[in-house]
Amino acid sequence: MEWESLKKEHRAYAFLARCFTSFAVKQLILEPIAASSTDNFPMESIYNTLNPSKRARRASYWSSKGQSNPAVPETLTYKLDGDLCLINEINIQPFQAFFQPGGPIYSAKAVRFRMGHVKRPLDVLQDSVHDSFVWTYTSEEFPMAQENRLQNFKLPELVLCIDGIMQVELLGRVQKQEMDSLFYICVAHFQIVGRSLAPAFSVDIDEHSKSLTLKVLSYNQPSPPEIPSTNSSFYGRRNFSGFNWGEVDDESDDEDYNWGEEDDEPDDEEFVL
């Protein structure tokens, strides 16, 4: 009995490792969750950051509220397309207001990225949603150029985001609006690039015990990667983002290790980690 359990645990972890390098690299944002402030809602909402500026028929951007203090930060929070996502890089394009004199660019001085999970349901009021997350990873600060282009921010190493919540912190304001003499930050487009392990895997998190349950929903053959990855620094680790990965509870009867062919039906297996 113990041997069968170990075999199924090994298969799950082997498939997890395979997915980290075999699933396609893609844009990972599923939907926006909230912005720390919005100047004119819904015309300047966070949803506009999902539209590439070249495809928009009019000026499409998110704008913060104005501040007299240029040090006041802003945050944009997003839900990723999967409970387990391996993040490669983040791309941000500041907004240039061509309709204002001189075409000012409302960039931030620097950016920082947080990844984590929900600690209570997201159907809360706008002013309290920012207290609804536990951040398990915080990046270094990256300087942002005051330029109207998609700026690339590559993390020092690949980061596993568990539960699929990403927040960008926009630190410092550089541009004052002429009409009201207040500082603003505006973003035209935002991208998160990496690999989602959905629909093969999902997770349930127990906040009290700091543990999670890894659910294997399918052992289907992963899609071919769009961008090859040579980083394998995550292999061999049994602790990601503050969670303990432990014993296995396997409900699957399928013991086939050949992933060259897709399974007809998904396997529902739960692993208490």
C-alpha atoms as a PDB file:
ATOM      1  CA  MET A   1       0.000   0.000   0.000  1.00  0.00           C
ATOM      2  CA  GLU A   2       2.798   2.390   0.937  1.00  0.00           C
ATOM      3  CA  TRP A   3       4.674   1.459  -2.256  1.00  0.00           C
ATOM      4  CA  GLU A   4       1.634   2.266  -4.413  1.00  0.00           C
ATOM      5  CA  SER A   5       1.296   5.618  -2.678  1.00  0.00           C
ATOM      6  CA  LEU A   6       4.968   6.430  -3.265  1.00  0.00           C
ATOM      7  CA  LYS A   7       4.676   5.491  -6.947  1.00  0.00           C
ATOM      8  CA  LYS A   8       1.736   7.831  -7.447  1.00  0.00           C
ATOM      9  CA  GLU A   9       3.476  10.618  -5.520  1.00  0.00           C
ATOM     10  CA  HIS A  10       6.543  10.195  -7.723  1.00  0.00           C
ATOM     11  CA  ARG A  11       4.427  10.342 -10.868  1.00  0.00           C
ATOM     12  CA  ALA A  12       2.751  13.570  -9.725  1.00  0.00           C
ATOM     13  CA  TYR A  13       6.032  15.323  -8.877  1.00  0.00           C
ATOM     14  CA  ALA A  14       7.679  14.086 -12.074  1.00  0.00           C
ATOM     15  CA  PHE A  15       4.776  15.468 -14.094  1.00  0.00           C
ATOM     16  CA  LEU A  16       4.929  18.747 -12.151  1.00  0.00           C
ATOM     17  CA  ALA A  17       8.627  19.131 -13.015  1.00  0.00           C
ATOM     18  CA  ARG A  18       7.899  18.290 -16.657  1.00  0.00           C
ATOM     19  CA  CYS A  19       5.179  20.939 -16.845  1.00  0.00           C
ATOM     20  CA  PHE A  20       7.556  23.618 -15.571  1.00  0.00           C
ATOM     21  CA  THR A  21       9.548  23.345 -18.808  1.00  0.00           C
ATOM     22  CA  SER A  22       7.001  21.940 -21.259  1.00  0.00           C
ATOM     23  CA  PHE A  23       3.929  24.138 -20.915  1.00  0.00           C
ATOM     24  CA  ALA A  24       3.890  27.121 -23.284  1.00  0.00           C
ATOM     25  CA  VAL A  25       5.252  30.526 -22.277  1.00  0.00           C
ATOM     26  CA  LYS A  26       2.420  33.037 -22.618  1.00  0.00           C
ATOM     27  CA  GLN A  27       0.757  36.184 -21.263  1.00  0.00           C
ATOM     28  CA  LEU A  28      -0.579  35.142 -17.845  1.00  0.00           C
ATOM     29  CA  ILE A  29      -3.088  37.816 -16.774  1.00  0.00           C
ATOM     30  CA  LEU A  30      -6.604  36.427 -16.399  1.00  0.00           C
ATOM     31  CA  GLU A  31      -8.251  39.607 -15.087  1.00  0.00           C
ATOM     32  CA  PRO A  32      -7.539  42.750 -13.053  1.00  0.00           C
ATOM     33  CA  ILE A  33      -8.538  42.728  -9.393  1.00  0.00           C
ATOM     34  CA  ALA A  34      -8.049  46.319  -8.219  1.00  0.00           C
ATOM     35  CA  ALA A  35      -6.054  49.533  -8.474  1.00  0.00           C
ATOM     36  CA  SER A  36      -5.045  51.509  -5.386  1.00  0.00           C
ATOM     37  CA  SER A  37      -6.713  54.574  -6.924  1.00  0.00           C
ATOM     38  CA  THR A  38      -8.363  55.579 -10.208  1.00  0.00           C
ATOM     39  CA  ASP A  39      -8.773  59.148 -11.398  1.00  0.00           C
ATOM     40  CA  ASN A  40     -11.769  58.813 -13.729  1.00  0.00           C
ATOM     41  CA  PHE A  41     -13.614  55.494 -13.433  1.00  0.00           C
ATOM     42  CA  PRO A  42     -14.369  53.657 -15.705  1.00  0.00           C
ATOM     43  CA  MET A  43     -12.694  55.689 -18.478  1.00  0.00           C
ATOM     44  CA  GLU A  44      -9.256  55.311 -16.863  1.00  0.00           C
ATOM     45  CA  SER A  45      -9.693  51.957 -15.107  1.00  0.00           C
ATOM     46  CA  ILE A  46      -7.161  49.165 -14.576  1.00  0.00           C
ATOM     47  CA  TYR A  47      -8.961  47.107 -17.268  1.00  0.00           C
ATOM     48  CA  ASN A  48      -7.449  49.407 -19.893  1.00  0.00           C
ATOM     49  CA  THR A  49      -3.962  48.084 -19.063  1.00  0.00           C
ATOM     50  CA  LEU A  50      -4.858  44.793 -20.786  1.00  0.00           C
ATOM     51  CA  ASN A  51      -5.268  46.490 -24.173  1.00  0.00           C
ATOM     52  CA  PRO A  52      -2.082  46.881 -26.247  1.00  0.00           C
ATOM     53  CA  SER A  53      -1.905  50.609 -27.097  1.00  0.00           C
ATOM     54  CA  LYS A  54      -1.400  49.947 -30.819  1.00  0.00           C
ATOM     55  CA  ARG A  55      -4.730  48.102 -30.992  1.00  0.00           C
ATOM     56  CA  ALA A  56      -6.774  50.705 -29.110  1.00  0.00           C
ATOM     57  CA  ARG A  57      -8.834  53.090 -31.228  1.00  0.00           C
ATOM     58  CA  ARG A  58      -8.547  55.816 -28.602  1.00  0.00           C
ATOM     59  CA  ALA A  59      -6.253  56.600 -25.700  1.00  0.00           C
ATOM     60  CA  SER A  60      -6.479  53.549 -23.427  1.00  0.00           C
ATOM     61  CA  TYR A  61      -4.760  53.668 -20.043  1.00  0.00           C
ATOM     62  CA  TRP A  62      -5.115  53.510 -16.283  1.00  0.00           C
ATOM     63  CA  SER A  63      -4.560  56.707 -14.331  1.00  0.00           C
ATOM     64  CA  SER A  64      -4.005  57.154 -10.614  1.00  0.00           C
ATOM     65  CA  LYS A  65      -5.532  60.003  -8.669  1.00  0.00           C
ATOM     66  CA  GLY A  66      -3.379  63.130  -8.498  1.00  0.00           C
ATOM     67  CA  GLN A  67      -1.088  63.749  -5.528  1.00  0.00           C
ATOM     68  CA  SER A  68       0.836  66.808  -4.390  1.00  0.00           C
ATOM     69  CA  ASN A  69       3.476  64.504  -2.865  1.00  0.00           C
ATOM     70  CA  PRO A  70       5.456  62.715  -5.616  1.00  0.00           C
ATOM     71  CA  ALA A  71       6.496  59.950  -3.188  1.00  0.00           C
ATOM     72  CA  VAL A  72       2.957  58.511  -2.855  1.00  0.00           C
ATOM     73  CA  PRO A  73       2.989  54.986  -4.413  1.00  0.00           C
ATOM     74  CA  GLU A  74       0.291  53.151  -6.345  1.00  0.00           C
ATOM     75  CA  THR A  75      -0.490  49.463  -6.853  1.00  0.00           C
ATOM     76  CA  LEU A  76      -2.161  47.401  -9.575  1.00  0.00           C
ATOM     77  CA  THR A  77      -3.299  43.873  -8.633  1.00  0.00           C
ATOM     78  CA  TYR A  78      -4.107  41.063 -11.066  1.00  0.00           C
ATOM     79  CA  LYS A  79      -5.381  37.477 -11.049  1.00  0.00           C
ATOM     80  CA  LEU A  80      -3.257  35.107 -13.117  1.00  0.00           C
ATOM     81  CA  ASP A  81      -4.483  32.349 -15.422  1.00  0.00           C
ATOM     82  CA  GLY A  82      -3.805  29.412 -13.097  1.00  0.00           C
ATOM     83  CA  ASP A  83      -3.156  28.526  -9.461  1.00  0.00           C
ATOM     84  CA  LEU A  84       0.473  27.646 -10.246  1.00  0.00           C
ATOM     85  CA  CYS A  85       2.386  30.020 -12.528  1.00  0.00           C
ATOM     86  CA  LEU A  86       6.110  30.206 -13.181  1.00  0.00           C
ATOM     87  CA  ILE A  87       6.933  33.876 -13.860  1.00  0.00           C
ATOM     88  CA  ASN A  88       9.648  34.812 -16.357  1.00  0.00           C
ATOM     89  CA  GLU A  89       9.290  38.563 -16.787  1.00  0.00           C
ATOM     90  CA  ILE A  90       6.985  41.572 -16.534  1.00  0.00           C
ATOM     91  CA  ASN A  91       6.451  44.261 -19.176  1.00  0.00           C
ATOM     92  CA  ILE A  92       5.027  47.726 -18.484  1.00  0.00           C
ATOM     93  CA  GLN A  93       4.369  50.636 -20.843  1.00  0.00           C
ATOM     94  CA  PRO A  94       3.861  54.068 -19.244  1.00  0.00           C
ATOM     95  CA  PHE A  95       1.212  56.301 -20.804  1.00  0.00           C
ATOM     96  CA  GLN A  96       2.092  59.368 -22.864  1.00  0.00           C
ATOM     97  CA  ALA A  97      -0.680  61.987 -22.961  1.00  0.00           C
ATOM     98  CA  PHE A  98      -0.400  63.246 -26.545  1.00  0.00           C
ATOM     99  CA  PHE A  99      -3.562  65.294 -25.977  1.00  0.00           C
ATOM    100  CA  GLN A 100      -1.785  67.449 -23.346  1.00  0.00           C
ATOM    101  CA  PRO A 101       0.744  70.212 -24.131  1.00  0.00           C
ATOM    102  CA  GLY A 102       4.222  68.726 -24.616  1.00  0.00           C
ATOM    103  CA  GLY A 103       2.946  65.112 -24.577  1.00  0.00           C
ATOM    104  CA  PRO A 104       3.993  64.330 -20.969  1.00  0.00           C
ATOM    105  CA  ILE A 105       4.784  60.722 -19.973  1.00  0.00           C
ATOM    106  CA  TYR A 106       3.309  59.702 -16.608  1.00  0.00           C
ATOM    107  CA  SER A 107       5.721  56.951 -15.605  1.00  0.00           C
ATOM    108  CA  ALA A 108       6.797  55.872 -12.141  1.00  0.00           C
ATOM    109  CA  LYS A 109      10.355  56.247 -10.848  1.00  0.00           C
ATOM    110  CA  ALA A 110      10.607  52.534 -10.044  1.00  0.00           C
ATOM    111  CA  VAL A 111       8.561  49.343  -9.874  1.00  0.00           C
ATOM    112  CA  ARG A 112       8.463  46.338  -7.561  1.00  0.00           C
ATOM    113  CA  PHE A 113       6.506  43.096  -7.875  1.00  0.00           C
ATOM    114  CA  ARG A 114       4.681  40.984  -5.316  1.00  0.00           C
ATOM    115  CA  MET A 115       3.212  37.498  -5.684  1.00  0.00           C
ATOM    116  CA  GLY A 116       0.958  35.672  -3.284  1.00  0.00           C
ATOM    117  CA  HIS A 117      -2.439  34.240  -2.495  1.00  0.00           C
ATOM    118  CA  VAL A 118      -5.881  35.217  -1.260  1.00  0.00           C
ATOM    119  CA  LYS A 119      -6.495  35.128   2.493  1.00  0.00           C
ATOM    120  CA  ARG A 120     -10.215  35.868   2.223  1.00  0.00           C
ATOM    121  CA  PRO A 121     -12.766  36.042  -0.609  1.00  0.00           C
ATOM    122  CA  LEU A 122     -12.320  38.750  -3.211  1.00  0.00           C
ATOM    123  CA  ASP A 123     -15.940  39.928  -3.045  1.00  0.00           C
ATOM    124  CA  VAL A 124     -15.030  42.684  -0.570  1.00  0.00           C
ATOM    125  CA  LEU A 125     -15.270  46.451  -0.759  1.00  0.00           C
ATOM    126  CA  GLN A 126     -12.827  48.327  -2.989  1.00  0.00           C
ATOM    127  CA  ASP A 127     -11.161  50.081  -0.043  1.00  0.00           C
ATOM    128  CA  SER A 128     -10.360  46.796   1.761  1.00  0.00           C
ATOM    129  CA  VAL A 129      -9.410  44.508  -1.140  1.00  0.00           C
ATOM    130  CA  HIS A 130      -5.718  45.356  -0.708  1.00  0.00           C
ATOM    131  CA  ASP A 131      -5.731  43.677   2.728  1.00  0.00           C
ATOM    132  CA  SER A 132      -7.051  40.440   1.233  1.00  0.00           C
ATOM    133  CA  PHE A 133      -3.711  38.910   0.205  1.00  0.00           C
ATOM    134  CA  VAL A 134      -0.670  37.224   1.715  1.00  0.00           C
ATOM    135  CA  TRP A 135       2.506  38.136  -0.185  1.00  0.00           C
ATOM    136  CA  THR A 136       4.989  35.269  -0.367  1.00  0.00           C
ATOM    137  CA  TYR A 137       7.443  36.906  -2.772  1.00  0.00           C
ATOM    138  CA  THR A 138       8.620  40.514  -3.159  1.00  0.00           C
ATOM    139  CA  SER A 139      11.118  41.494  -5.844  1.00  0.00           C
ATOM    140  CA  GLU A 140      13.826  44.100  -5.753  1.00  0.00           C
ATOM    141  CA  GLU A 141      13.064  47.602  -7.045  1.00  0.00           C
ATOM    142  CA  PHE A 142      13.607  48.166 -10.771  1.00  0.00           C
ATOM    143  CA  PRO A 143      14.092  51.682 -12.164  1.00  0.00           C
ATOM    144  CA  MET A 144      11.551  52.753 -14.786  1.00  0.00           C
ATOM    145  CA  ALA A 145      12.412  55.055 -17.696  1.00  0.00           C
ATOM    146  CA  GLN A 146      10.176  58.020 -18.505  1.00  0.00           C
ATOM    147  CA  GLU A 147       9.679  56.690 -22.028  1.00  0.00           C
ATOM    148  CA  ASN A 148       6.653  55.669 -24.078  1.00  0.00           C
ATOM    149  CA  ARG A 149       7.619  52.053 -24.792  1.00  0.00           C
ATOM    150  CA  LEU A 150       6.990  48.571 -23.429  1.00  0.00           C
ATOM    151  CA  GLN A 151       9.700  48.259 -20.761  1.00  0.00           C
ATOM    152  CA  ASN A 152      10.944  44.804 -19.816  1.00  0.00           C
ATOM    153  CA  PHE A 153      11.656  43.810 -16.212  1.00  0.00           C
ATOM    154  CA  LYS A 154      13.301  40.394 -15.904  1.00  0.00           C
ATOM    155  CA  LEU A 155      13.354  38.757 -12.484  1.00  0.00           C
ATOM    156  CA  PRO A 156      16.751  37.501 -11.216  1.00  0.00           C
ATOM    157  CA  GLU A 157      15.374  33.945 -11.252  1.00  0.00           C
ATOM    158  CA  LEU A 158      12.119  32.216 -12.129  1.00  0.00           C
ATOM    159  CA  VAL A 159       9.465  32.635  -9.442  1.00  0.00           C
ATOM    160  CA  LEU A 160       6.639  30.195  -8.696  1.00  0.00           C
ATOM    161  CA  CYS A 161       3.436  32.088  -7.934  1.00  0.00           C
ATOM    162  CA  ILE A 162       1.087  29.898  -5.849  1.00  0.00           C
ATOM    163  CA  ASP A 163      -2.611  30.820  -6.081  1.00  0.00           C
ATOM    164  CA  GLY A 164      -1.983  33.258  -8.924  1.00  0.00           C
ATOM    165  CA  ILE A 165      -2.068  36.772  -7.438  1.00  0.00           C
ATOM    166  CA  MET A 166       0.367  39.381  -8.770  1.00  0.00           C
ATOM    167  CA  GLN A 167       0.743  42.999  -7.679  1.00  0.00           C
ATOM    168  CA  VAL A 168       2.904  45.707  -9.226  1.00  0.00           C
ATOM    169  CA  GLU A 169       4.000  48.565  -6.976  1.00  0.00           C
ATOM    170  CA  LEU A 170       4.592  51.842  -8.794  1.00  0.00           C
ATOM    171  CA  LEU A 171       7.047  53.788  -6.657  1.00  0.00           C
ATOM    172  CA  GLY A 172       7.512  57.525  -7.029  1.00  0.00           C
ATOM    173  CA  ARG A 173       5.983  60.027  -9.464  1.00  0.00           C
ATOM    174  CA  VAL A 174       7.904  62.024 -12.035  1.00  0.00           C
ATOM    175  CA  GLN A 175       5.283  63.943 -14.007  1.00  0.00           C
ATOM    176  CA  LYS A 176       3.096  66.813 -12.857  1.00  0.00           C
ATOM    177  CA  GLN A 177      -0.084  67.609 -14.759  1.00  0.00           C
ATOM    178  CA  GLU A 178      -0.128  71.211 -15.928  1.00  0.00           C
ATOM    179  CA  MET A 179      -3.830  71.878 -15.327  1.00  0.00           C
ATOM    180  CA  ASP A 180      -3.896  71.029 -11.592  1.00  0.00           C
ATOM    181  CA  SER A 181      -0.180  70.872 -10.609  1.00  0.00           C
ATOM    182  CA  LEU A 182      -0.609  67.348  -9.214  1.00  0.00           C
ATOM    183  CA  PHE A 183       1.571  64.284  -9.832  1.00  0.00           C
ATOM    184  CA  TYR A 184       0.047  61.257 -11.576  1.00  0.00           C
ATOM    185  CA  ILE A 185       1.103  57.752 -12.638  1.00  0.00           C
ATOM    186  CA  CYS A 186      -0.482  56.300 -15.785  1.00  0.00           C
ATOM    187  CA  VAL A 187      -0.005  52.855 -17.358  1.00  0.00           C
ATOM    188  CA  ALA A 188      -0.944  52.089 -20.956  1.00  0.00           C
ATOM    189  CA  HIS A 189      -0.192  48.353 -21.003  1.00  0.00           C
ATOM    190  CA  PHE A 190       0.881  45.626 -18.593  1.00  0.00           C
ATOM    191  CA  GLN A 191       2.030  42.053 -19.307  1.00  0.00           C
ATOM    192  CA  ILE A 192       3.051  39.129 -17.104  1.00  0.00           C
ATOM    193  CA  VAL A 193       4.959  36.450 -19.023  1.00  0.00           C
ATOM    194  CA  GLY A 194       5.503  32.870 -17.915  1.00  0.00           C
ATOM    195  CA  ARG A 195       4.021  29.382 -17.763  1.00  0.00           C
ATOM    196  CA  SER A 196       0.660  28.462 -16.254  1.00  0.00           C
ATOM    197  CA  LEU A 197       0.211  24.881 -15.055  1.00  0.00           C
ATOM    198  CA  ALA A 198      -3.548  25.089 -15.582  1.00  0.00           C
ATOM    199  CA  PRO A 199      -5.576  23.072 -16.364  1.00  0.00           C
ATOM    200  CA  ALA A 200      -3.336  20.214 -15.197  1.00  0.00           C
ATOM    201  CA  PHE A 201      -2.938  21.486 -11.614  1.00  0.00           C
ATOM    202  CA  SER A 202      -4.820  23.541  -9.051  1.00  0.00           C
ATOM    203  CA  VAL A 203      -4.231  24.245  -5.342  1.00  0.00           C
ATOM    204  CA  ASP A 204      -6.201  24.704  -2.123  1.00  0.00           C
ATOM    205  CA  ILE A 205      -4.456  26.707   0.605  1.00  0.00           C
ATOM    206  CA  ASP A 206      -4.923  26.303   4.365  1.00  0.00           C
ATOM    207  CA  GLU A 207      -3.828  29.652   5.774  1.00  0.00           C
ATOM    208  CA  HIS A 208      -3.738  28.455   9.400  1.00  0.00           C
ATOM    209  CA  SER A 209      -1.427  25.495   8.887  1.00  0.00           C
ATOM    210  CA  LYS A 210       0.595  27.158   6.086  1.00  0.00           C
ATOM    211  CA  SER A 211       0.006  24.083   3.950  1.00  0.00           C
ATOM    212  CA  LEU A 212      -1.663  23.487   0.628  1.00  0.00           C
ATOM    213  CA  THR A 213      -3.240  20.672  -1.314  1.00  0.00           C
ATOM    214  CA  LEU A 214      -1.954  20.152  -4.835  1.00  0.00           C
ATOM    215  CA  LYS A 215      -4.677  18.788  -7.106  1.00  0.00           C
ATOM    216  CA  VAL A 216      -3.704  16.905 -10.265  1.00  0.00           C
ATOM    217  CA  LEU A 217      -6.643  17.343 -12.632  1.00  0.00           C
ATOM    218  CA  SER A 218      -5.091  15.832 -15.755  1.00  0.00           C
ATOM    219  CA  TYR A 219      -1.969  14.026 -16.939  1.00  0.00           C
ATOM    220  CA  ASN A 220      -2.423  15.129 -20.539  1.00  0.00           C
ATOM    221  CA  GLN A 221       0.652  15.817 -22.645  1.00  0.00           C
ATOM    222  CA  PRO A 222       1.758  19.480 -22.184  1.00  0.00           C
ATOM    223  CA  SER A 223       1.673  21.858 -25.137  1.00  0.00           C
ATOM    224  CA  PRO A 224       5.000  22.496 -26.932  1.00  0.00           C
ATOM    225  CA  PRO A 225       6.803  25.545 -25.484  1.00  0.00           C
ATOM    226  CA  GLU A 226       6.775  28.810 -27.439  1.00  0.00           C
ATOM    227  CA  ILE A 227       9.989  30.032 -25.810  1.00  0.00           C
ATOM    228  CA  PRO A 228      12.627  27.533 -24.633  1.00  0.00           C
ATOM    229  CA  SER A 229      13.670  27.695 -21.003  1.00  0.00           C
ATOM    230  CA  THR A 230      17.118  26.765 -19.710  1.00  0.00           C
ATOM    231  CA  ASN A 231      16.552  27.706 -16.058  1.00  0.00           C
ATOM    232  CA  SER A 232      16.152  24.641 -13.856  1.00  0.00           C
ATOM    233  CA  SER A 233      16.870  26.242 -10.468  1.00  0.00           C
ATOM    234  CA  PHE A 234      13.514  25.063  -9.068  1.00  0.00           C
ATOM    235  CA  TYR A 235      14.289  21.351  -9.370  1.00  0.00           C
ATOM    236  CA  GLY A 236      14.755  19.434  -6.132  1.00  0.00           C
ATOM    237  CA  ARG A 237      13.067  22.014  -3.889  1.00  0.00           C
ATOM    238  CA  ARG A 238      10.306  20.893  -1.533  1.00  0.00           C
ATOM    239  CA  ASN A 239       9.424  24.347  -0.189  1.00  0.00           C
ATOM    240  CA  PHE A 240       7.948  27.117  -2.326  1.00  0.00           C
ATOM    241  CA  SER A 241       6.929  30.561  -1.092  1.00  0.00           C
ATOM    242  CA  GLY A 242       6.666  29.672   2.586  1.00  0.00           C
ATOM    243  CA  PHE A 243       4.506  26.549   2.183  1.00  0.00           C
ATOM    244  CA  ASN A 244       5.406  23.045   3.305  1.00  0.00           C
ATOM    245  CA  TRP A 245       5.137  20.277   0.710  1.00  0.00           C
ATOM    246  CA  GLY A 246       4.514  16.943   2.444  1.00  0.00           C
ATOM    247  CA  GLU A 247       2.566  13.673   2.266  1.00  0.00           C
ATOM    248  CA  VAL A 248       0.387  12.478  -0.597  1.00  0.00           C
ATOM    249  CA  ASP A 249      -3.251  11.420  -0.820  1.00  0.00           C
ATOM    250  CA  ASP A 250      -3.704   9.848  -4.279  1.00  0.00           C
ATOM    251  CA  GLU A 251      -7.102   8.825  -5.644  1.00  0.00           C
ATOM    252  CA  SER A 252      -6.043   7.889  -9.184  1.00  0.00           C
ATOM    253  CA  ASP A 253      -5.970   4.358 -10.569  1.00  0.00           C
ATOM    254  CA  ASP A 254      -3.872   5.354 -13.618  1.00  0.00           C
ATOM    255  CA  GLU A 255      -0.232   4.363 -13.220  1.00  0.00           C
ATOM    256  CA  ASP A 256       0.912   4.986 -16.800  1.00  0.00           C
ATOM    257  CA  TYR A 257       4.052   7.137 -16.952  1.00  0.00           C
ATOM    258  CA  ASN A 258       3.914   7.560 -20.715  1.00  0.00           C
ATOM    259  CA  TRP A 259       2.820  11.154 -21.374  1.00  0.00           C
ATOM    260  CA  GLY A 260       3.193  10.818 -25.133  1.00  0.00           C
ATOM    261  CA  GLU A 261      -0.554  10.176 -25.400  1.00  0.00           C
ATOM    262  CA  GLU A 262      -3.337  12.152 -23.746  1.00  0.00           C
ATOM    263  CA  ASP A 263      -5.625  10.533 -21.188  1.00  0.00           C
ATOM    264  CA  ASP A 264      -9.261  10.219 -22.235  1.00  0.00           C
ATOM    265  CA  GLU A 265     -10.483  11.318 -18.822  1.00  0.00           C
ATOM    266  CA  PRO A 266      -8.817  13.648 -16.268  1.00  0.00           C
ATOM    267  CA  ASP A 267      -7.404  12.163 -13.085  1.00  0.00           C
ATOM    268  CA  ASP A 268      -8.498  13.717  -9.788  1.00  0.00           C
ATOM    269  CA  GLU A 269      -5.623  13.328  -7.372  1.00  0.00           C
ATOM    270  CA  GLU A 270      -4.983  15.367  -4.231  1.00  0.00           C
ATOM    271  CA  PHE A 271      -1.586  15.818  -2.599  1.00  0.00           C
ATOM    272  CA  VAL A 272      -1.423  17.384   0.877  1.00  0.00           C
ATOM    273  CA  LEU A 273       1.690  19.574   0.735  1.00  0.00           C
END
